[in-house]
Full PDB file with SEQRES, HELIX, SHEET, SSBOND, CRYST1, ORIGX, SCALE, CONECT and MASTER records, all heavy atoms in Angstrom:
SEQRES   1 A   38  ALA GLY ALA ARG PRO GLY ASP LYS ALA ALA ASP ARG PRO          
SEQRES   2 A   38  GLY ASP ARG ALA GLY ASP ARG GLY GLY ALA GLY ASP ARG          
SEQRES   3 A   38  SER GLY ALA ALA ASP ARG GLY GLY ALA GLY VAL ALA              
HELIX    1 AA1 LYS A    8  ALA A   10  5                                   3    
HELIX    2 AA2 ASP A   15  ALA A   17  5                                   3    
CRYST1    1.000    1.000    1.000  90.00  90.00  90.00 P 1           1          
ORIGX1      1.000000  0.000000  0.000000        0.00000                         
ORIGX2      0.000000  1.000000  0.000000        0.00000                         
ORIGX3      0.000000  0.000000  1.000000        0.00000                         
SCALE1      1.000000  0.000000  0.000000        0.00000                         
SCALE2      0.000000  1.000000  0.000000        0.00000                         
SCALE3      0.000000  0.000000  1.000000        0.00000                         
ATOM      1  N   ALA A   1      11.301   4.381 -18.399  1.00  0.00           N  
ATOM      2  CA  ALA A   1      11.431   5.837 -18.674  1.00  0.00           C  
ATOM      3  C   ALA A   1      10.536   6.213 -19.831  1.00  0.00           C  
ATOM      4  O   ALA A   1      10.640   5.587 -20.935  1.00  0.00           O  
ATOM      5  CB  ALA A   1      12.917   6.119 -19.034  1.00  0.00           C  
ATOM      6  N   GLY A   2       9.708   7.206 -19.609  1.00  0.00           N  
ATOM      7  CA  GLY A   2       8.836   7.709 -20.673  1.00  0.00           C  
ATOM      8  C   GLY A   2       9.518   8.698 -21.468  1.00  0.00           C  
ATOM      9  O   GLY A   2      10.658   9.070 -21.279  1.00  0.00           O  
ATOM     10  N   ALA A   3       8.792   9.354 -22.369  1.00  0.00           N  
ATOM     11  CA  ALA A   3       9.435  10.303 -23.228  1.00  0.00           C  
ATOM     12  C   ALA A   3       9.175  11.649 -22.734  1.00  0.00           C  
ATOM     13  O   ALA A   3       9.704  12.665 -23.461  1.00  0.00           O  
ATOM     14  CB  ALA A   3       8.836  10.083 -24.667  1.00  0.00           C  
ATOM     15  N   ARG A   4       8.514  11.866 -21.648  1.00  0.00           N  
ATOM     16  CA  ARG A   4       8.274  13.241 -21.137  1.00  0.00           C  
ATOM     17  C   ARG A   4       8.758  13.492 -19.766  1.00  0.00           C  
ATOM     18  O   ARG A   4       7.963  13.303 -18.818  1.00  0.00           O  
ATOM     19  CB  ARG A   4       6.779  13.456 -21.315  1.00  0.00           C  
ATOM     20  CG  ARG A   4       6.259  13.469 -22.742  1.00  0.00           C  
ATOM     21  CD  ARG A   4       4.811  13.614 -22.753  1.00  0.00           C  
ATOM     22  NE  ARG A   4       4.092  12.470 -22.144  1.00  0.00           N  
ATOM     23  CZ  ARG A   4       2.786  12.468 -22.094  1.00  0.00           C  
ATOM     24  NH1 ARG A   4       2.045  13.397 -22.450  1.00  0.00           N  
ATOM     25  NH2 ARG A   4       2.303  11.359 -21.550  1.00  0.00           N  
ATOM     26  N   PRO A   5      10.000  13.788 -19.554  1.00  0.00           N  
ATOM     27  CA  PRO A   5      10.490  13.984 -18.164  1.00  0.00           C  
ATOM     28  C   PRO A   5       9.706  15.116 -17.529  1.00  0.00           C  
ATOM     29  O   PRO A   5       9.317  16.152 -18.137  1.00  0.00           O  
ATOM     30  CB  PRO A   5      11.952  14.426 -18.409  1.00  0.00           C  
ATOM     31  CG  PRO A   5      12.373  13.963 -19.781  1.00  0.00           C  
ATOM     32  CD  PRO A   5      11.056  13.923 -20.591  1.00  0.00           C  
ATOM     33  N   GLY A   6       9.482  14.959 -16.167  1.00  0.00           N  
ATOM     34  CA  GLY A   6       8.778  15.942 -15.476  1.00  0.00           C  
ATOM     35  C   GLY A   6       7.263  15.820 -15.541  1.00  0.00           C  
ATOM     36  O   GLY A   6       6.575  16.654 -15.100  1.00  0.00           O  
ATOM     37  N   ASP A   7       6.782  14.841 -16.283  1.00  0.00           N  
ATOM     38  CA  ASP A   7       5.382  14.626 -16.354  1.00  0.00           C  
ATOM     39  C   ASP A   7       4.741  14.523 -14.953  1.00  0.00           C  
ATOM     40  O   ASP A   7       5.175  13.812 -14.119  1.00  0.00           O  
ATOM     41  CB  ASP A   7       5.059  13.299 -17.121  1.00  0.00           C  
ATOM     42  CG  ASP A   7       3.589  13.231 -17.561  1.00  0.00           C  
ATOM     43  OD1 ASP A   7       2.741  13.910 -16.828  1.00  0.00           O  
ATOM     44  OD2 ASP A   7       3.320  12.388 -18.417  1.00  0.00           O  
ATOM     45  N   LYS A   8       3.648  15.426 -14.792  1.00  0.00           N  
ATOM     46  CA  LYS A   8       3.015  15.407 -13.464  1.00  0.00           C  
ATOM     47  C   LYS A   8       2.537  14.068 -13.051  1.00  0.00           C  
ATOM     48  O   LYS A   8       2.439  13.798 -11.850  1.00  0.00           O  
ATOM     49  CB  LYS A   8       1.906  16.413 -13.466  1.00  0.00           C  
ATOM     50  CG  LYS A   8       2.400  17.868 -13.547  1.00  0.00           C  
ATOM     51  CD  LYS A   8       1.210  18.875 -13.581  1.00  0.00           C  
ATOM     52  CE  LYS A   8       1.715  20.322 -13.697  1.00  0.00           C  
ATOM     53  NZ  LYS A   8       0.580  21.207 -13.657  1.00  0.00           N  
ATOM     54  N   ALA A   9       2.168  13.288 -14.054  1.00  0.00           N  
ATOM     55  CA  ALA A   9       1.706  11.919 -13.707  1.00  0.00           C  
ATOM     56  C   ALA A   9       2.733  11.109 -13.040  1.00  0.00           C  
ATOM     57  O   ALA A   9       2.472  10.084 -12.473  1.00  0.00           O  
ATOM     58  CB  ALA A   9       1.110  11.233 -14.968  1.00  0.00           C  
ATOM     59  N   ALA A  10       4.004  11.518 -13.212  1.00  0.00           N  
ATOM     60  CA  ALA A  10       5.066  10.720 -12.677  1.00  0.00           C  
ATOM     61  C   ALA A  10       5.280  11.015 -11.205  1.00  0.00           C  
ATOM     62  O   ALA A  10       6.206  10.418 -10.635  1.00  0.00           O  
ATOM     63  CB  ALA A  10       6.373  10.966 -13.466  1.00  0.00           C  
ATOM     64  N   ASP A  11       4.536  11.800 -10.622  1.00  0.00           N  
ATOM     65  CA  ASP A  11       4.761  12.222  -9.237  1.00  0.00           C  
ATOM     66  C   ASP A  11       3.612  11.820  -8.392  1.00  0.00           C  
ATOM     67  O   ASP A  11       3.017  12.613  -7.705  1.00  0.00           O  
ATOM     68  CB  ASP A  11       4.985  13.725  -9.178  1.00  0.00           C  
ATOM     69  CG  ASP A  11       5.793  14.106  -7.974  1.00  0.00           C  
ATOM     70  OD1 ASP A  11       6.364  13.216  -7.314  1.00  0.00           O  
ATOM     71  OD2 ASP A  11       5.928  15.275  -7.755  1.00  0.00           O  
ATOM     72  N   ARG A  12       3.284  10.527  -8.382  1.00  0.00           N  
ATOM     73  CA  ARG A  12       2.129  10.052  -7.592  1.00  0.00           C  
ATOM     74  C   ARG A  12       2.515   9.045  -6.642  1.00  0.00           C  
ATOM     75  O   ARG A  12       2.272   7.778  -6.831  1.00  0.00           O  
ATOM     76  CB  ARG A  12       1.041   9.434  -8.514  1.00  0.00           C  
ATOM     77  CG  ARG A  12       0.566  10.438  -9.563  1.00  0.00           C  
ATOM     78  CD  ARG A  12      -0.625   9.783 -10.271  1.00  0.00           C  
ATOM     79  NE  ARG A  12      -0.845  10.402 -11.523  1.00  0.00           N  
ATOM     80  CZ  ARG A  12      -1.528   9.866 -12.459  1.00  0.00           C  
ATOM     81  NH1 ARG A  12      -2.000   8.612 -12.334  1.00  0.00           N  
ATOM     82  NH2 ARG A  12      -1.793  10.497 -13.554  1.00  0.00           N  
ATOM     83  N   PRO A  13       3.210   9.324  -5.529  1.00  0.00           N  
ATOM     84  CA  PRO A  13       3.706   8.335  -4.621  1.00  0.00           C  
ATOM     85  C   PRO A  13       2.625   7.535  -3.973  1.00  0.00           C  
ATOM     86  O   PRO A  13       2.843   6.456  -3.464  1.00  0.00           O  
ATOM     87  CB  PRO A  13       4.501   9.165  -3.582  1.00  0.00           C  
ATOM     88  CG  PRO A  13       3.866  10.535  -3.744  1.00  0.00           C  
ATOM     89  CD  PRO A  13       3.478  10.753  -5.076  1.00  0.00           C  
ATOM     90  N   GLY A  14       1.411   8.013  -3.920  1.00  0.00           N  
ATOM     91  CA  GLY A  14       0.432   7.322  -3.188  1.00  0.00           C  
ATOM     92  C   GLY A  14      -0.687   6.742  -4.131  1.00  0.00           C  
ATOM     93  O   GLY A  14      -1.765   6.380  -3.720  1.00  0.00           O  
ATOM     94  N   ASP A  15      -0.258   6.501  -5.397  1.00  0.00           N  
ATOM     95  CA  ASP A  15      -1.244   6.043  -6.319  1.00  0.00           C  
ATOM     96  C   ASP A  15      -1.799   4.598  -5.932  1.00  0.00           C  
ATOM     97  O   ASP A  15      -1.122   3.725  -5.532  1.00  0.00           O  
ATOM     98  CB  ASP A  15      -0.521   5.791  -7.753  1.00  0.00           C  
ATOM     99  CG  ASP A  15      -1.528   5.710  -8.858  1.00  0.00           C  
ATOM    100  OD1 ASP A  15      -2.715   6.092  -8.632  1.00  0.00           O  
ATOM    101  OD2 ASP A  15      -1.147   5.234  -9.925  1.00  0.00           O  
ATOM    102  N   ARG A  16      -3.143   4.519  -6.061  1.00  0.00           N  
ATOM    103  CA  ARG A  16      -3.851   3.381  -5.820  1.00  0.00           C  
ATOM    104  C   ARG A  16      -3.562   2.832  -4.400  1.00  0.00           C  
ATOM    105  O   ARG A  16      -3.376   1.617  -4.192  1.00  0.00           O  
ATOM    106  CB  ARG A  16      -3.554   2.214  -6.794  1.00  0.00           C  
ATOM    107  CG  ARG A  16      -4.064   2.587  -8.186  1.00  0.00           C  
ATOM    108  CD  ARG A  16      -4.130   1.430  -9.067  1.00  0.00           C  
ATOM    109  NE  ARG A  16      -4.574   1.796 -10.332  1.00  0.00           N  
ATOM    110  CZ  ARG A  16      -4.749   0.896 -11.392  1.00  0.00           C  
ATOM    111  NH1 ARG A  16      -4.605  -0.360 -11.135  1.00  0.00           N  
ATOM    112  NH2 ARG A  16      -5.193   1.273 -12.529  1.00  0.00           N  
ATOM    113  N   ALA A  17      -3.634   3.708  -3.493  1.00  0.00           N  
ATOM    114  CA  ALA A  17      -3.382   3.393  -1.988  1.00  0.00           C  
ATOM    115  C   ALA A  17      -1.977   2.919  -1.839  1.00  0.00           C  
ATOM    116  O   ALA A  17      -1.672   2.476  -0.708  1.00  0.00           O  
ATOM    117  CB  ALA A  17      -4.324   2.388  -1.581  1.00  0.00           C  
ATOM    118  N   GLY A  18      -1.086   3.020  -2.832  1.00  0.00           N  
ATOM    119  CA  GLY A  18       0.308   2.702  -2.711  1.00  0.00           C  
ATOM    120  C   GLY A  18       0.590   1.410  -1.975  1.00  0.00           C  
ATOM    121  O   GLY A  18       0.270   0.338  -2.483  1.00  0.00           O  
ATOM    122  N   ASP A  19       1.091   1.455  -0.778  1.00  0.00           N  
ATOM    123  CA  ASP A  19       1.397   0.309   0.032  1.00  0.00           C  
ATOM    124  C   ASP A  19       0.094  -0.327   0.386  1.00  0.00           C  
ATOM    125  O   ASP A  19      -0.623   0.186   1.305  1.00  0.00           O  
ATOM    126  CB  ASP A  19       2.239   0.709   1.149  1.00  0.00           C  
ATOM    127  CG  ASP A  19       2.639  -0.493   2.068  1.00  0.00           C  
ATOM    128  OD1 ASP A  19       2.111  -1.539   1.762  1.00  0.00           O  
ATOM    129  OD2 ASP A  19       3.329  -0.197   2.903  1.00  0.00           O  
ATOM    130  N   ARG A  20      -0.301  -1.466  -0.151  1.00  0.00           N  
ATOM    131  CA  ARG A  20      -1.588  -2.058   0.189  1.00  0.00           C  
ATOM    132  C   ARG A  20      -1.490  -2.943   1.456  1.00  0.00           C  
ATOM    133  O   ARG A  20      -1.862  -4.110   1.383  1.00  0.00           O  
ATOM    134  CB  ARG A  20      -1.984  -2.952  -1.077  1.00  0.00           C  
ATOM    135  CG  ARG A  20      -2.228  -2.084  -2.323  1.00  0.00           C  
ATOM    136  CD  ARG A  20      -2.550  -3.049  -3.408  1.00  0.00           C  
ATOM    137  NE  ARG A  20      -3.804  -3.667  -3.240  1.00  0.00           N  
ATOM    138  CZ  ARG A  20      -4.994  -3.190  -3.676  1.00  0.00           C  
ATOM    139  NH1 ARG A  20      -5.072  -2.119  -4.311  1.00  0.00           N  
ATOM    140  NH2 ARG A  20      -6.096  -3.854  -3.423  1.00  0.00           N  
ATOM    141  N   GLY A  21      -1.035  -2.298   2.377  1.00  0.00           N  
ATOM    142  CA  GLY A  21      -0.944  -3.036   3.691  1.00  0.00           C  
ATOM    143  C   GLY A  21       0.520  -2.844   4.212  1.00  0.00           C  
ATOM    144  O   GLY A  21       0.975  -3.742   4.815  1.00  0.00           O  
ATOM    145  N   GLY A  22       1.104  -1.738   3.980  1.00  0.00           N  
ATOM    146  CA  GLY A  22       2.511  -1.570   4.261  1.00  0.00           C  
ATOM    147  C   GLY A  22       3.045  -2.191   5.449  1.00  0.00           C  
ATOM    148  O   GLY A  22       3.954  -2.772   5.563  1.00  0.00           O  
ATOM    149  N   ALA A  23       2.306  -2.031   6.492  1.00  0.00           N  
ATOM    150  CA  ALA A  23       2.652  -2.598   7.734  1.00  0.00           C  
ATOM    151  C   ALA A  23       2.232  -4.037   7.784  1.00  0.00           C  
ATOM    152  O   ALA A  23       2.437  -4.787   8.681  1.00  0.00           O  
ATOM    153  CB  ALA A  23       2.023  -1.916   8.952  1.00  0.00           C  
ATOM    154  N   GLY A  24       1.543  -4.494   6.743  1.00  0.00           N  
ATOM    155  CA  GLY A  24       1.391  -5.898   6.475  1.00  0.00           C  
ATOM    156  C   GLY A  24       0.083  -6.481   6.803  1.00  0.00           C  
ATOM    157  O   GLY A  24      -0.408  -7.331   6.160  1.00  0.00           O  
ATOM    158  N   ASP A  25      -0.518  -6.071   7.940  1.00  0.00           N  
ATOM    159  CA  ASP A  25      -1.573  -6.828   8.478  1.00  0.00           C  
ATOM    160  C   ASP A  25      -2.936  -6.336   7.980  1.00  0.00           C  
ATOM    161  O   ASP A  25      -3.413  -5.360   8.460  1.00  0.00           O  
ATOM    162  CB  ASP A  25      -1.584  -6.895  10.004  1.00  0.00           C  
ATOM    163  CG  ASP A  25      -1.442  -5.532  10.591  1.00  0.00           C  
ATOM    164  OD1 ASP A  25      -1.402  -4.500   9.855  1.00  0.00           O  
ATOM    165  OD2 ASP A  25      -1.305  -5.434  11.761  1.00  0.00           O  
ATOM    166  N   ARG A  26      -3.542  -6.964   7.004  1.00  0.00           N  
ATOM    167  CA  ARG A  26      -4.891  -6.643   6.722  1.00  0.00           C  
ATOM    168  C   ARG A  26      -5.833  -6.989   7.781  1.00  0.00           C  
ATOM    169  O   ARG A  26      -6.923  -6.542   7.914  1.00  0.00           O  
ATOM    170  CB  ARG A  26      -5.333  -7.357   5.403  1.00  0.00           C  
ATOM    171  CG  ARG A  26      -4.779  -6.723   4.172  1.00  0.00           C  
ATOM    172  CD  ARG A  26      -5.260  -7.346   2.935  1.00  0.00           C  
ATOM    173  NE  ARG A  26      -6.643  -6.977   2.841  1.00  0.00           N  
ATOM    174  CZ  ARG A  26      -7.343  -7.351   1.754  1.00  0.00           C  
ATOM    175  NH1 ARG A  26      -6.811  -8.062   0.797  1.00  0.00           N  
ATOM    176  NH2 ARG A  26      -8.642  -7.071   1.653  1.00  0.00           N  
ATOM    177  N   SER A  27      -5.304  -8.038   8.673  1.00  0.00           N  
ATOM    178  CA  SER A  27      -6.191  -8.358   9.834  1.00  0.00           C  
ATOM    179  C   SER A  27      -5.925  -7.365  10.885  1.00  0.00           C  
ATOM    180  O   SER A  27      -6.644  -7.183  11.871  1.00  0.00           O  
ATOM    181  CB  SER A  27      -5.712  -9.664  10.252  1.00  0.00           C  
ATOM    182  OG  SER A  27      -4.392  -9.795  10.585  1.00  0.00           O  
ATOM    183  N   GLY A  28      -4.709  -6.534  10.795  1.00  0.00           N  
ATOM    184  CA  GLY A  28      -4.560  -5.676  11.902  1.00  0.00           C  
ATOM    185  C   GLY A  28      -4.633  -6.272  13.247  1.00  0.00           C  
ATOM    186  O   GLY A  28      -3.998  -7.240  13.538  1.00  0.00           O  
ATOM    187  N   ALA A  29      -5.436  -5.693  14.018  1.00  0.00           N  
ATOM    188  CA  ALA A  29      -5.611  -6.357  15.301  1.00  0.00           C  
ATOM    189  C   ALA A  29      -6.772  -7.287  15.265  1.00  0.00           C  
ATOM    190  O   ALA A  29      -7.310  -7.748  16.180  1.00  0.00           O  
ATOM    191  CB  ALA A  29      -5.964  -5.219  16.365  1.00  0.00           C  
ATOM    192  N   ALA A  30      -7.291  -7.471  13.977  1.00  0.00           N  
ATOM    193  CA  ALA A  30      -8.471  -8.311  13.831  1.00  0.00           C  
ATOM    194  C   ALA A  30      -8.165  -9.793  14.076  1.00  0.00           C  
ATOM    195  O   ALA A  30      -7.802 -10.514  13.124  1.00  0.00           O  
ATOM    196  CB  ALA A  30      -9.035  -8.087  12.441  1.00  0.00           C  
ATOM    197  N   ASP A  31      -8.321 -10.130  15.236  1.00  0.00           N  
ATOM    198  CA  ASP A  31      -8.170 -11.546  15.574  1.00  0.00           C  
ATOM    199  C   ASP A  31      -9.371 -12.354  14.994  1.00  0.00           C  
ATOM    200  O   ASP A  31     -10.412 -12.270  15.617  1.00  0.00           O  
ATOM    201  CB  ASP A  31      -8.002 -11.703  17.143  1.00  0.00           C  
ATOM    202  CG  ASP A  31      -7.833 -13.131  17.492  1.00  0.00           C  
ATOM    203  OD1 ASP A  31      -7.823 -14.056  16.637  1.00  0.00           O  
ATOM    204  OD2 ASP A  31      -7.635 -13.332  18.695  1.00  0.00           O  
ATOM    205  N   ARG A  32      -9.116 -13.054  13.970  1.00  0.00           N  
ATOM    206  CA  ARG A  32     -10.183 -13.806  13.359  1.00  0.00           C  
ATOM    207  C   ARG A  32     -10.421 -15.113  14.083  1.00  0.00           C  
ATOM    208  O   ARG A  32     -11.256 -15.931  13.660  1.00  0.00           O  
ATOM    209  CB  ARG A  32      -9.994 -13.957  11.880  1.00  0.00           C  
ATOM    210  CG  ARG A  32     -10.013 -12.596  11.130  1.00  0.00           C  
ATOM    211  CD  ARG A  32      -9.884 -12.773   9.678  1.00  0.00           C  
ATOM    212  NE  ARG A  32     -11.157 -13.401   9.246  1.00  0.00           N  
ATOM    213  CZ  ARG A  32     -11.404 -13.644   7.946  1.00  0.00           C  
ATOM    214  NH1 ARG A  32     -10.565 -13.240   7.034  1.00  0.00           N  
ATOM    215  NH2 ARG A  32     -12.500 -14.173   7.597  1.00  0.00           N  
ATOM    216  N   GLY A  33      -9.723 -15.472  14.943  1.00  0.00           N  
ATOM    217  CA  GLY A  33      -9.993 -16.684  15.714  1.00  0.00           C  
ATOM    218  C   GLY A  33      -9.275 -16.737  17.034  1.00  0.00           C  
ATOM    219  O   GLY A  33      -9.239 -17.775  17.658  1.00  0.00           O  
ATOM    220  N   GLY A  34      -8.833 -15.602  17.492  1.00  0.00           N  
ATOM    221  CA  GLY A  34      -8.328 -15.524  18.910  1.00  0.00           C  
ATOM    222  C   GLY A  34      -6.879 -15.861  18.885  1.00  0.00           C  
ATOM    223  O   GLY A  34      -6.104 -15.108  19.415  1.00  0.00           O  
ATOM    224  N   ALA A  35      -6.501 -17.041  18.335  1.00  0.00           N  
ATOM    225  CA  ALA A  35      -5.106 -17.468  18.515  1.00  0.00           C  
ATOM    226  C   ALA A  35      -4.223 -17.036  17.401  1.00  0.00           C  
ATOM    227  O   ALA A  35      -3.014 -17.161  17.464  1.00  0.00           O  
ATOM    228  CB  ALA A  35      -5.130 -18.994  18.518  1.00  0.00           C  
ATOM    229  N   GLY A  36      -4.698 -16.474  16.298  1.00  0.00           N  
ATOM    230  CA  GLY A  36      -3.938 -16.205  15.138  1.00  0.00           C  
ATOM    231  C   GLY A  36      -3.744 -14.796  14.814  1.00  0.00           C  
ATOM    232  O   GLY A  36      -3.766 -14.442  13.643  1.00  0.00           O  
ATOM    233  N   VAL A  37      -3.612 -13.880  15.850  1.00  0.00           N  
ATOM    234  CA  VAL A  37      -3.522 -12.472  15.539  1.00  0.00           C  
ATOM    235  C   VAL A  37      -2.515 -12.142  14.565  1.00  0.00           C  
ATOM    236  O   VAL A  37      -2.624 -11.409  13.570  1.00  0.00           O  
ATOM    237  CB  VAL A  37      -3.313 -11.676  16.819  1.00  0.00           C  
ATOM    238  CG1 VAL A  37      -3.160 -10.196  16.508  1.00  0.00           C  
ATOM    239  CG2 VAL A  37      -4.443 -11.993  17.870  1.00  0.00           C  
ATOM    240  N   ALA A  38      -1.286 -12.728  14.735  1.00  0.00           N  
ATOM    241  CA  ALA A  38      -0.154 -12.411  13.834  1.00  0.00           C  
ATOM    242  C   ALA A  38      -0.095 -13.273  12.616  1.00  0.00           C  
ATOM    243  O   ALA A  38       0.674 -12.927  11.732  1.00  0.00           O  
ATOM    244  CB  ALA A  38       1.163 -12.633  14.618  1.00  0.00           C  
TER     245      ALA A  38                                                      
MASTER        0    0    0    2    0    0    0    6  244    1    0    3          
END                                                                             
């Protein structure tokens, strides 16, 4: 908790791309070897 409630900086849900892979797969559908998609 900072000392300034309501600071606009506190309202950045997407800061720095937020969820850096929220659905998890940086490979996505990128099969880097065919057998290891998941």
